[in-house]
Amino acid sequence: MPRRTLQGVVVSDKCDKTVSVRVENRVMHPIYKKYVKLHKKYMAHDEDNAYKIGDIVKIIESRPISKIKKWVVDSKIVNGGGGL
Protein backbone atom coordinates (compact mmCIF):
# COMPACT_ATOMS: atom_id res chain seq x y z
CA MET A 1 0.00 0.00 0.00
CA PRO A 2 1.47 3.39 -0.95
CA ARG A 3 2.31 5.86 1.77
CA ARG A 4 0.38 9.10 2.01
CA THR A 5 2.25 12.30 1.18
CA LEU A 6 1.33 15.84 2.15
CA GLN A 7 2.80 19.26 1.41
CA GLY A 8 2.95 22.10 3.89
CA VAL A 9 4.89 24.90 5.54
CA VAL A 10 7.16 24.50 8.56
CA VAL A 11 5.70 26.65 11.35
CA SER A 12 7.92 25.54 14.25
CA ASP A 13 11.37 24.00 14.57
CA LYS A 14 11.91 24.41 18.32
CA CYS A 15 11.91 20.69 19.19
CA ASP A 16 15.01 18.57 18.60
CA LYS A 17 14.67 16.41 15.44
CA THR A 18 11.05 17.52 15.03
CA VAL A 19 9.29 20.16 12.93
CA SER A 20 5.67 21.21 13.00
CA VAL A 21 4.18 21.37 9.49
CA ARG A 22 0.95 23.19 8.66
CA VAL A 23 -0.97 21.58 5.78
CA GLU A 24 -3.79 23.50 4.11
CA ASN A 25 -6.71 21.82 2.38
CA ARG A 26 -9.58 23.31 0.37
CA VAL A 27 -13.00 21.70 0.77
CA MET A 28 -16.43 22.72 -0.48
CA HIS A 29 -18.92 23.72 2.22
CA PRO A 30 -21.90 21.33 2.00
CA ILE A 31 -24.58 24.03 2.38
CA TYR A 32 -23.03 27.23 1.00
CA LYS A 33 -21.17 25.55 -1.90
CA LYS A 34 -18.18 27.78 -1.26
CA TYR A 35 -14.60 26.56 -0.96
CA VAL A 36 -13.20 26.92 2.54
CA LYS A 37 -9.56 26.61 3.59
CA LEU A 38 -8.96 24.14 6.38
CA HIS A 39 -5.58 23.51 7.97
CA LYS A 40 -4.03 20.96 10.26
CA LYS A 41 -0.63 20.73 11.94
CA TYR A 42 1.47 17.58 11.79
CA MET A 43 4.59 16.82 13.80
CA ALA A 44 7.21 15.39 11.45
CA HIS A 45 10.59 13.79 12.09
CA ASP A 46 13.61 15.82 10.89
CA GLU A 47 16.72 13.77 11.70
CA ASP A 48 19.33 16.44 10.85
CA ASN A 49 17.42 19.56 12.02
CA ALA A 50 17.80 20.78 8.43
CA TYR A 51 14.44 22.55 7.96
CA LYS A 52 13.61 26.00 9.31
CA ILE A 53 10.46 28.09 9.74
CA GLY A 54 8.93 29.07 6.39
CA ASP A 55 10.31 26.15 4.38
CA ILE A 56 7.81 24.39 2.14
CA VAL A 57 8.29 20.66 2.64
CA LYS A 58 6.84 17.31 1.61
CA ILE A 59 6.07 14.85 4.42
CA ILE A 60 5.52 11.09 4.15
CA GLU A 61 3.53 8.84 6.45
CA SER A 62 5.69 6.37 8.41
CA ARG A 63 5.67 4.05 11.37
CA PRO A 64 5.00 5.75 14.73
CA ILE A 65 8.24 7.38 15.88
CA SER A 66 6.76 8.76 19.11
CA LYS A 67 3.34 9.44 20.60
CA ILE A 68 2.67 12.38 18.26
CA LYS A 69 5.13 11.82 15.38
CA LYS A 70 3.88 9.58 12.58
CA TRP A 71 5.29 11.54 9.63
CA VAL A 72 8.82 12.05 8.24
CA VAL A 73 10.04 15.06 6.25
CA ASP A 74 10.94 13.82 2.77
CA SER A 75 12.23 16.88 0.94
CA LYS A 76 12.10 20.63 0.60
CA ILE A 77 10.01 22.10 -2.22
CA VAL A 78 12.21 24.69 -3.91
CA ASN A 79 9.94 26.82 -6.10
CA GLY A 80 6.59 27.85 -4.70
CA GLY A 81 4.16 24.97 -4.46
CA GLY A 82 1.53 26.78 -2.40
CA GLY A 83 1.51 27.11 1.36
CA LEU A 84 0.85 30.14 3.52
PDB file of N, CA and C in Angstrom:
ATOM      1  N   MET A   1       0.848  -1.182   0.000  1.00  0.00           N
ATOM      2  CA  MET A   1       0.000   0.000   0.000  1.00  0.00           C
ATOM      3  C   MET A   1       0.893   1.245   0.000  1.00  0.00           C
ATOM      4  N   PRO A   2       0.624   2.202  -0.889  1.00  0.00           N
ATOM      5  CA  PRO A   2       1.472   3.389  -0.946  1.00  0.00           C
ATOM      6  C   PRO A   2       1.284   4.277   0.277  1.00  0.00           C
ATOM      7  N   ARG A   3       2.349   4.949   0.627  1.00  0.00           N
ATOM      8  CA  ARG A   3       2.312   5.855   1.773  1.00  0.00           C
ATOM      9  C   ARG A   3       1.701   7.186   1.366  1.00  0.00           C
ATOM     10  N   ARG A   4       0.965   7.792   2.290  1.00  0.00           N
ATOM     11  CA  ARG A   4       0.375   9.098   2.013  1.00  0.00           C
ATOM     12  C   ARG A   4       1.462  10.166   2.044  1.00  0.00           C
ATOM     13  N   THR A   5       1.327  11.166   1.182  1.00  0.00           N
ATOM     14  CA  THR A   5       2.251  12.302   1.185  1.00  0.00           C
ATOM     15  C   THR A   5       1.439  13.581   1.276  1.00  0.00           C
ATOM     16  N   LEU A   6       1.967  14.539   1.999  1.00  0.00           N
ATOM     17  CA  LEU A   6       1.332  15.844   2.150  1.00  0.00           C
ATOM     18  C   LEU A   6       2.380  16.922   1.932  1.00  0.00           C
ATOM     19  N   GLN A   7       1.917  18.125   1.616  1.00  0.00           N
ATOM     20  CA  GLN A   7       2.804  19.256   1.412  1.00  0.00           C
ATOM     21  C   GLN A   7       2.352  20.386   2.306  1.00  0.00           C
ATOM     22  N   GLY A   8       3.304  21.024   2.979  1.00  0.00           N
ATOM     23  CA  GLY A   8       2.946  22.101   3.885  1.00  0.00           C
ATOM     24  C   GLY A   8       4.126  22.993   4.208  1.00  0.00           C
ATOM     25  N   VAL A   9       3.892  23.913   5.147  1.00  0.00           N
ATOM     26  CA  VAL A   9       4.886  24.901   5.539  1.00  0.00           C
ATOM     27  C   VAL A   9       5.328  24.622   6.967  1.00  0.00           C
ATOM     28  N   VAL A  10       6.630  24.687   7.204  1.00  0.00           N
ATOM     29  CA  VAL A  10       7.161  24.501   8.556  1.00  0.00           C
ATOM     30  C   VAL A  10       6.805  25.745   9.378  1.00  0.00           C
ATOM     31  N   VAL A  11       6.096  25.534  10.497  1.00  0.00           N
ATOM     32  CA  VAL A  11       5.698  26.651  11.349  1.00  0.00           C
ATOM     33  C   VAL A  11       6.455  26.669  12.673  1.00  0.00           C
ATOM     34  N   SER A  12       7.132  25.568  13.015  1.00  0.00           N
ATOM     35  CA  SER A  12       7.919  25.538  14.247  1.00  0.00           C
ATOM     36  C   SER A  12       9.044  24.520  14.096  1.00  0.00           C
ATOM     37  N   ASP A  13      10.233  24.914  14.579  1.00  0.00           N
ATOM     38  CA  ASP A  13      11.373  23.996  14.572  1.00  0.00           C
ATOM     39  C   ASP A  13      12.072  23.990  15.926  1.00  0.00           C
ATOM     40  N   LYS A  14      11.332  24.283  16.985  1.00  0.00           N
ATOM     41  CA  LYS A  14      11.912  24.410  18.315  1.00  0.00           C
ATOM     42  C   LYS A  14      12.316  23.073  18.931  1.00  0.00           C
ATOM     43  N   CYS A  15      11.594  22.005  18.610  1.00  0.00           N
ATOM     44  CA  CYS A  15      11.914  20.694  19.185  1.00  0.00           C
ATOM     45  C   CYS A  15      13.120  20.082  18.473  1.00  0.00           C
ATOM     46  N   ASP A  16      13.862  19.237  19.178  1.00  0.00           N
ATOM     47  CA  ASP A  16      15.007  18.565  18.595  1.00  0.00           C
ATOM     48  C   ASP A  16      14.529  17.429  17.693  1.00  0.00           C
ATOM     49  N   LYS A  17      15.001  17.416  16.440  1.00  0.00           N
ATOM     50  CA  LYS A  17      14.675  16.409  15.438  1.00  0.00           C
ATOM     51  C   LYS A  17      13.188  16.366  15.090  1.00  0.00           C
ATOM     52  N   THR A  18      12.476  17.457  15.319  1.00  0.00           N
ATOM     53  CA  THR A  18      11.047  17.517  15.026  1.00  0.00           C
ATOM     54  C   THR A  18      10.697  18.885  14.453  1.00  0.00           C
ATOM     55  N   VAL A  19       9.853  18.905  13.435  1.00  0.00           N
ATOM     56  CA  VAL A  19       9.295  20.155  12.925  1.00  0.00           C
ATOM     57  C   VAL A  19       7.778  20.033  12.909  1.00  0.00           C
ATOM     58  N   SER A  20       7.118  21.155  13.072  1.00  0.00           N
ATOM     59  CA  SER A  20       5.673  21.207  12.997  1.00  0.00           C
ATOM     60  C   SER A  20       5.309  21.763  11.625  1.00  0.00           C
ATOM     61  N   VAL A  21       4.516  21.011  10.871  1.00  0.00           N
ATOM     62  CA  VAL A  21       4.179  21.367   9.488  1.00  0.00           C
ATOM     63  C   VAL A  21       2.692  21.647   9.398  1.00  0.00           C
ATOM     64  N   ARG A  22       2.348  22.816   8.846  1.00  0.00           N
ATOM     65  CA  ARG A  22       0.950  23.186   8.656  1.00  0.00           C
ATOM     66  C   ARG A  22       0.552  22.859   7.222  1.00  0.00           C
ATOM     67  N   VAL A  23      -0.483  22.021   7.087  1.00  0.00           N
ATOM     68  CA  VAL A  23      -0.968  21.581   5.782  1.00  0.00           C
ATOM     69  C   VAL A  23      -2.343  22.187   5.559  1.00  0.00           C
ATOM     70  N   GLU A  24      -2.503  22.894   4.441  1.00  0.00           N
ATOM     71  CA  GLU A  24      -3.788  23.502   4.111  1.00  0.00           C
ATOM     72  C   GLU A  24      -4.539  22.629   3.111  1.00  0.00           C
ATOM     73  N   ASN A  25      -5.860  22.609   3.256  1.00  0.00           N
ATOM     74  CA  ASN A  25      -6.714  21.816   2.381  1.00  0.00           C
ATOM     75  C   ASN A  25      -7.944  22.647   2.034  1.00  0.00           C
ATOM     76  N   ARG A  26      -8.380  22.591   0.782  1.00  0.00           N
ATOM     77  CA  ARG A  26      -9.584  23.309   0.369  1.00  0.00           C
ATOM     78  C   ARG A  26     -10.718  22.310   0.207  1.00  0.00           C
ATOM     79  N   VAL A  27     -11.830  22.562   0.885  1.00  0.00           N
ATOM     80  CA  VAL A  27     -13.003  21.698   0.767  1.00  0.00           C
ATOM     81  C   VAL A  27     -14.227  22.560   0.496  1.00  0.00           C
ATOM     82  N   MET A  28     -15.206  21.978  -0.194  1.00  0.00           N
ATOM     83  CA  MET A  28     -16.433  22.718  -0.477  1.00  0.00           C
ATOM     84  C   MET A  28     -17.393  22.587   0.698  1.00  0.00           C
ATOM     85  N   HIS A  29     -17.949  23.709   1.132  1.00  0.00           N
ATOM     86  CA  HIS A  29     -18.921  23.715   2.219  1.00  0.00           C
ATOM     87  C   HIS A  29     -20.201  23.041   1.723  1.00  0.00           C
ATOM     88  N   PRO A  30     -20.758  22.100   2.502  1.00  0.00           N
ATOM     89  CA  PRO A  30     -21.904  21.333   2.003  1.00  0.00           C
ATOM     90  C   PRO A  30     -23.175  22.163   1.775  1.00  0.00           C
ATOM     91  N   ILE A  31     -23.358  23.231   2.530  1.00  0.00           N
ATOM     92  CA  ILE A  31     -24.578  24.035   2.377  1.00  0.00           C
ATOM     93  C   ILE A  31     -24.346  25.237   1.466  1.00  0.00           C
ATOM     94  N   TYR A  32     -23.260  25.985   1.716  1.00  0.00           N
ATOM     95  CA  TYR A  32     -23.030  27.235   0.996  1.00  0.00           C
ATOM     96  C   TYR A  32     -22.331  27.060  -0.344  1.00  0.00           C
ATOM     97  N   LYS A  33     -21.836  25.851  -0.629  1.00  0.00           N
ATOM     98  CA  LYS A  33     -21.170  25.547  -1.898  1.00  0.00           C
ATOM     99  C   LYS A  33     -20.014  26.505  -2.193  1.00  0.00           C
ATOM    100  N   LYS A  34     -19.327  26.886  -1.142  1.00  0.00           N
ATOM    101  CA  LYS A  34     -18.182  27.778  -1.264  1.00  0.00           C
ATOM    102  C   LYS A  34     -16.954  27.036  -0.754  1.00  0.00           C
ATOM    103  N   TYR A  35     -15.821  27.229  -1.405  1.00  0.00           N
ATOM    104  CA  TYR A  35     -14.602  26.565  -0.957  1.00  0.00           C
ATOM    105  C   TYR A  35     -14.059  27.255   0.292  1.00  0.00           C
ATOM    106  N   VAL A  36     -13.709  26.435   1.267  1.00  0.00           N
ATOM    107  CA  VAL A  36     -13.205  26.924   2.543  1.00  0.00           C
ATOM    108  C   VAL A  36     -11.827  26.308   2.768  1.00  0.00           C
ATOM    109  N   LYS A  37     -10.889  27.119   3.277  1.00  0.00           N
ATOM    110  CA  LYS A  37      -9.561  26.605   3.588  1.00  0.00           C
ATOM    111  C   LYS A  37      -9.561  26.024   4.991  1.00  0.00           C
ATOM    112  N   LEU A  38      -9.144  24.779   5.090  1.00  0.00           N
ATOM    113  CA  LEU A  38      -8.959  24.141   6.382  1.00  0.00           C
ATOM    114  C   LEU A  38      -7.474  23.855   6.541  1.00  0.00           C
ATOM    115  N   HIS A  39      -6.994  23.828   7.773  1.00  0.00           N
ATOM    116  CA  HIS A  39      -5.583  23.510   7.972  1.00  0.00           C
ATOM    117  C   HIS A  39      -5.434  22.598   9.179  1.00  0.00           C
ATOM    118  N   LYS A  40      -4.339  21.862   9.167  1.00  0.00           N
ATOM    119  CA  LYS A  40      -4.030  20.956  10.257  1.00  0.00           C
ATOM    120  C   LYS A  40      -2.522  20.932  10.428  1.00  0.00           C
ATOM    121  N   LYS A  41      -2.064  20.789  11.667  1.00  0.00           N
ATOM    122  CA  LYS A  41      -0.633  20.731  11.936  1.00  0.00           C
ATOM    123  C   LYS A  41      -0.211  19.291  12.199  1.00  0.00           C
ATOM    124  N   TYR A  42       0.897  18.906  11.603  1.00  0.00           N
ATOM    125  CA  TYR A  42       1.466  17.579  11.789  1.00  0.00           C
ATOM    126  C   TYR A  42       2.878  17.735  12.349  1.00  0.00           C
ATOM    127  N   MET A  43       3.228  16.876  13.302  1.00  0.00           N
ATOM    128  CA  MET A  43       4.592  16.823  13.799  1.00  0.00           C
ATOM    129  C   MET A  43       5.339  15.824  12.928  1.00  0.00           C
ATOM    130  N   ALA A  44       6.463  16.243  12.371  1.00  0.00           N
ATOM    131  CA  ALA A  44       7.213  15.394  11.448  1.00  0.00           C
ATOM    132  C   ALA A  44       8.653  15.258  11.915  1.00  0.00           C
ATOM    133  N   HIS A  45       9.227  14.089  11.670  1.00  0.00           N
ATOM    134  CA  HIS A  45      10.590  13.791  12.089  1.00  0.00           C
ATOM    135  C   HIS A  45      11.583  14.423  11.119  1.00  0.00           C
ATOM    136  N   ASP A  46      12.561  15.161  11.665  1.00  0.00           N
ATOM    137  CA  ASP A  46      13.614  15.817  10.888  1.00  0.00           C
ATOM    138  C   ASP A  46      14.943  15.427  11.535  1.00  0.00           C
ATOM    139  N   GLU A  47      15.546  14.364  11.057  1.00  0.00           N
ATOM    140  CA  GLU A  47      16.723  13.773  11.705  1.00  0.00           C
ATOM    141  C   GLU A  47      17.883  14.747  11.852  1.00  0.00           C
ATOM    142  N   ASP A  48      18.140  15.572  10.843  1.00  0.00           N
ATOM    143  CA  ASP A  48      19.326  16.439  10.849  1.00  0.00           C
ATOM    144  C   ASP A  48      19.033  17.877  11.261  1.00  0.00           C
ATOM    145  N   ASN A  49      17.821  18.184  11.702  1.00  0.00           N
ATOM    146  CA  ASN A  49      17.420  19.557  12.021  1.00  0.00           C
ATOM    147  C   ASN A  49      17.732  20.497  10.850  1.00  0.00           C
ATOM    148  N   ALA A  50      17.428  20.052   9.636  1.00  0.00           N
ATOM    149  CA  ALA A  50      17.800  20.783   8.428  1.00  0.00           C
ATOM    150  C   ALA A  50      16.764  21.811   7.994  1.00  0.00           C
ATOM    151  N   TYR A  51      15.516  21.695   8.463  1.00  0.00           N
ATOM    152  CA  TYR A  51      14.442  22.555   7.963  1.00  0.00           C
ATOM    153  C   TYR A  51      14.111  23.636   8.972  1.00  0.00           C
ATOM    154  N   LYS A  52      13.860  24.834   8.463  1.00  0.00           N
ATOM    155  CA  LYS A  52      13.606  26.004   9.307  1.00  0.00           C
ATOM    156  C   LYS A  52      12.203  26.548   9.034  1.00  0.00           C
ATOM    157  N   ILE A  53      11.787  27.481   9.867  1.00  0.00           N
ATOM    158  CA  ILE A  53      10.457  28.088   9.742  1.00  0.00           C
ATOM    159  C   ILE A  53      10.323  28.748   8.369  1.00  0.00           C
ATOM    160  N   GLY A  54       9.204  28.492   7.698  1.00  0.00           N
ATOM    161  CA  GLY A  54       8.935  29.072   6.391  1.00  0.00           C
ATOM    162  C   GLY A  54       9.257  28.166   5.226  1.00  0.00           C
ATOM    163  N   ASP A  55      10.000  27.082   5.462  1.00  0.00           N
ATOM    164  CA  ASP A  55      10.314  26.148   4.384  1.00  0.00           C
ATOM    165  C   ASP A  55       9.063  25.385   3.956  1.00  0.00           C
ATOM    166  N   ILE A  56       8.903  25.195   2.664  1.00  0.00           N
ATOM    167  CA  ILE A  56       7.807  24.388   2.139  1.00  0.00           C
ATOM    168  C   ILE A  56       8.355  22.981   1.942  1.00  0.00           C
ATOM    169  N   VAL A  57       7.748  22.015   2.625  1.00  0.00           N
ATOM    170  CA  VAL A  57       8.288  20.660   2.640  1.00  0.00           C
ATOM    171  C   VAL A  57       7.231  19.639   2.257  1.00  0.00           C
ATOM    172  N   LYS A  58       7.712  18.446   1.881  1.00  0.00           N
ATOM    173  CA  LYS A  58       6.838  17.309   1.605  1.00  0.00           C
ATOM    174  C   LYS A  58       7.058  16.303   2.727  1.00  0.00           C
ATOM    175  N   ILE A  59       5.961  15.827   3.341  1.00  0.00           N
ATOM    176  CA  ILE A  59       6.074  14.855   4.425  1.00  0.00           C
ATOM    177  C   ILE A  59       5.427  13.543   3.992  1.00  0.00           C
ATOM    178  N   ILE A  60       5.973  12.432   4.512  1.00  0.00           N
ATOM    179  CA  ILE A  60       5.517  11.094   4.146  1.00  0.00           C
ATOM    180  C   ILE A  60       5.113  10.358   5.410  1.00  0.00           C
ATOM    181  N   GLU A  61       4.002   9.642   5.326  1.00  0.00           N
ATOM    182  CA  GLU A  61       3.526   8.840   6.445  1.00  0.00           C
ATOM    183  C   GLU A  61       4.528   7.726   6.738  1.00  0.00           C
ATOM    184  N   SER A  62       4.747   7.423   8.035  1.00  0.00           N
ATOM    185  CA  SER A  62       5.691   6.373   8.407  1.00  0.00           C
ATOM    186  C   SER A  62       5.182   5.645   9.645  1.00  0.00           C
ATOM    187  N   ARG A  63       5.999   4.743  10.122  1.00  0.00           N
ATOM    188  CA  ARG A  63       5.665   4.054  11.369  1.00  0.00           C
ATOM    189  C   ARG A  63       5.666   5.078  12.499  1.00  0.00           C
ATOM    190  N   PRO A  64       4.966   4.805  13.615  1.00  0.00           N
ATOM    191  CA  PRO A  64       4.998   5.749  14.730  1.00  0.00           C
ATOM    192  C   PRO A  64       6.407   5.883  15.310  1.00  0.00           C
ATOM    193  N   ILE A  65       6.913   7.113  15.332  1.00  0.00           N
ATOM    194  CA  ILE A  65       8.238   7.382  15.877  1.00  0.00           C
ATOM    195  C   ILE A  65       8.127   7.757  17.348  1.00  0.00           C
ATOM    196  N   SER A  66       7.055   8.439  17.716  1.00  0.00           N
ATOM    197  CA  SER A  66       6.758   8.761  19.112  1.00  0.00           C
ATOM    198  C   SER A  66       5.235   8.857  19.239  1.00  0.00           C
ATOM    199  N   LYS A  67       4.780   9.353  20.367  1.00  0.00           N
ATOM    200  CA  LYS A  67       3.337   9.444  20.600  1.00  0.00           C
ATOM    201  C   LYS A  67       2.646  10.339  19.572  1.00  0.00           C
ATOM    202  N   ILE A  68       3.306  11.422  19.177  1.00  0.00           N
ATOM    203  CA  ILE A  68       2.672  12.376  18.263  1.00  0.00           C
ATOM    204  C   ILE A  68       3.301  12.411  16.875  1.00  0.00           C
ATOM    205  N   LYS A  69       4.454  11.771  16.680  1.00  0.00           N
ATOM    206  CA  LYS A  69       5.126  11.818  15.376  1.00  0.00           C
ATOM    207  C   LYS A  69       4.868  10.540  14.589  1.00  0.00           C
ATOM    208  N   LYS A  70       4.151  10.698  13.477  1.00  0.00           N
ATOM    209  CA  LYS A  70       3.882   9.583  12.578  1.00  0.00           C
ATOM    210  C   LYS A  70       4.194   9.954  11.133  1.00  0.00           C
ATOM    211  N   TRP A  71       4.926  11.045  10.946  1.00  0.00           N
ATOM    212  CA  TRP A  71       5.295  11.540   9.630  1.00  0.00           C
ATOM    213  C   TRP A  71       6.795  11.843   9.612  1.00  0.00           C
ATOM    214  N   VAL A  72       7.404  11.755   8.423  1.00  0.00           N
ATOM    215  CA  VAL A  72       8.823  12.048   8.241  1.00  0.00           C
ATOM    216  C   VAL A  72       8.944  13.065   7.115  1.00  0.00           C
ATOM    217  N   VAL A  73       9.814  14.074   7.303  1.00  0.00           N
ATOM    218  CA  VAL A  73      10.038  15.058   6.251  1.00  0.00           C
ATOM    219  C   VAL A  73      10.831  14.392   5.131  1.00  0.00           C
ATOM    220  N   ASP A  74      10.294  14.461   3.917  1.00  0.00           N
ATOM    221  CA  ASP A  74      10.942  13.823   2.774  1.00  0.00           C
ATOM    222  C   ASP A  74      11.893  14.781   2.076  1.00  0.00           C
ATOM    223  N   SER A  75      11.396  15.951   1.683  1.00  0.00           N
ATOM    224  CA  SER A  75      12.228  16.878   0.936  1.00  0.00           C
ATOM    225  C   SER A  75      11.669  18.282   1.045  1.00  0.00           C
ATOM    226  N   LYS A  76      12.504  19.225   0.637  1.00  0.00           N
ATOM    227  CA  LYS A  76      12.105  20.626   0.599  1.00  0.00           C
ATOM    228  C   LYS A  76      11.644  20.959  -0.808  1.00  0.00           C
ATOM    229  N   ILE A  77      10.509  21.650  -0.919  1.00  0.00           N
ATOM    230  CA  ILE A  77      10.009  22.100  -2.215  1.00  0.00           C
ATOM    231  C   ILE A  77      10.687  23.432  -2.510  1.00  0.00           C
ATOM    232  N   VAL A  78      11.393  23.531  -3.642  1.00  0.00           N
ATOM    233  CA  VAL A  78      12.213  24.694  -3.908  1.00  0.00           C
ATOM    234  C   VAL A  78      11.388  25.870  -4.405  1.00  0.00           C
ATOM    235  N   ASN A  79      10.655  25.694  -5.483  1.00  0.00           N
ATOM    236  CA  ASN A  79       9.936  26.817  -6.101  1.00  0.00           C
ATOM    237  C   ASN A  79       8.460  26.760  -5.791  1.00  0.00           C
ATOM    238  N   GLY A  80       8.014  27.700  -4.968  1.00  0.00           N
ATOM    239  CA  GLY A  80       6.588  27.849  -4.702  1.00  0.00           C
ATOM    240  C   GLY A  80       5.938  26.592  -4.197  1.00  0.00           C
ATOM    241  N   GLY A  81       4.865  26.174  -4.847  1.00  0.00           N
ATOM    242  CA  GLY A  81       4.165  24.967  -4.460  1.00  0.00           C
ATOM    243  C   GLY A  81       3.043  25.234  -3.479  1.00  0.00           C
ATOM    244  N   GLY A  82       2.625  26.486  -3.321  1.00  0.00           N
ATOM    245  CA  GLY A  82       1.531  26.783  -2.401  1.00  0.00           C
ATOM    246  C   GLY A  82       2.029  27.021  -1.002  1.00  0.00           C
ATOM    247  N   GLY A  83       1.160  26.872  -0.032  1.00  0.00           N
ATOM    248  CA  GLY A  83       1.515  27.112   1.360  1.00  0.00           C
ATOM    249  C   GLY A  83       0.862  28.380   1.866  1.00  0.00           C
ATOM    250  N   LEU A  84       1.435  28.943   2.894  1.00  0.00           N
ATOM    251  CA  LEU A  84       0.846  30.137   3.518  1.00  0.00           C
ATOM    252  C   LEU A  84       1.041  31.369   2.689  1.00  0.00           C
TER     253      LEU A  84
END
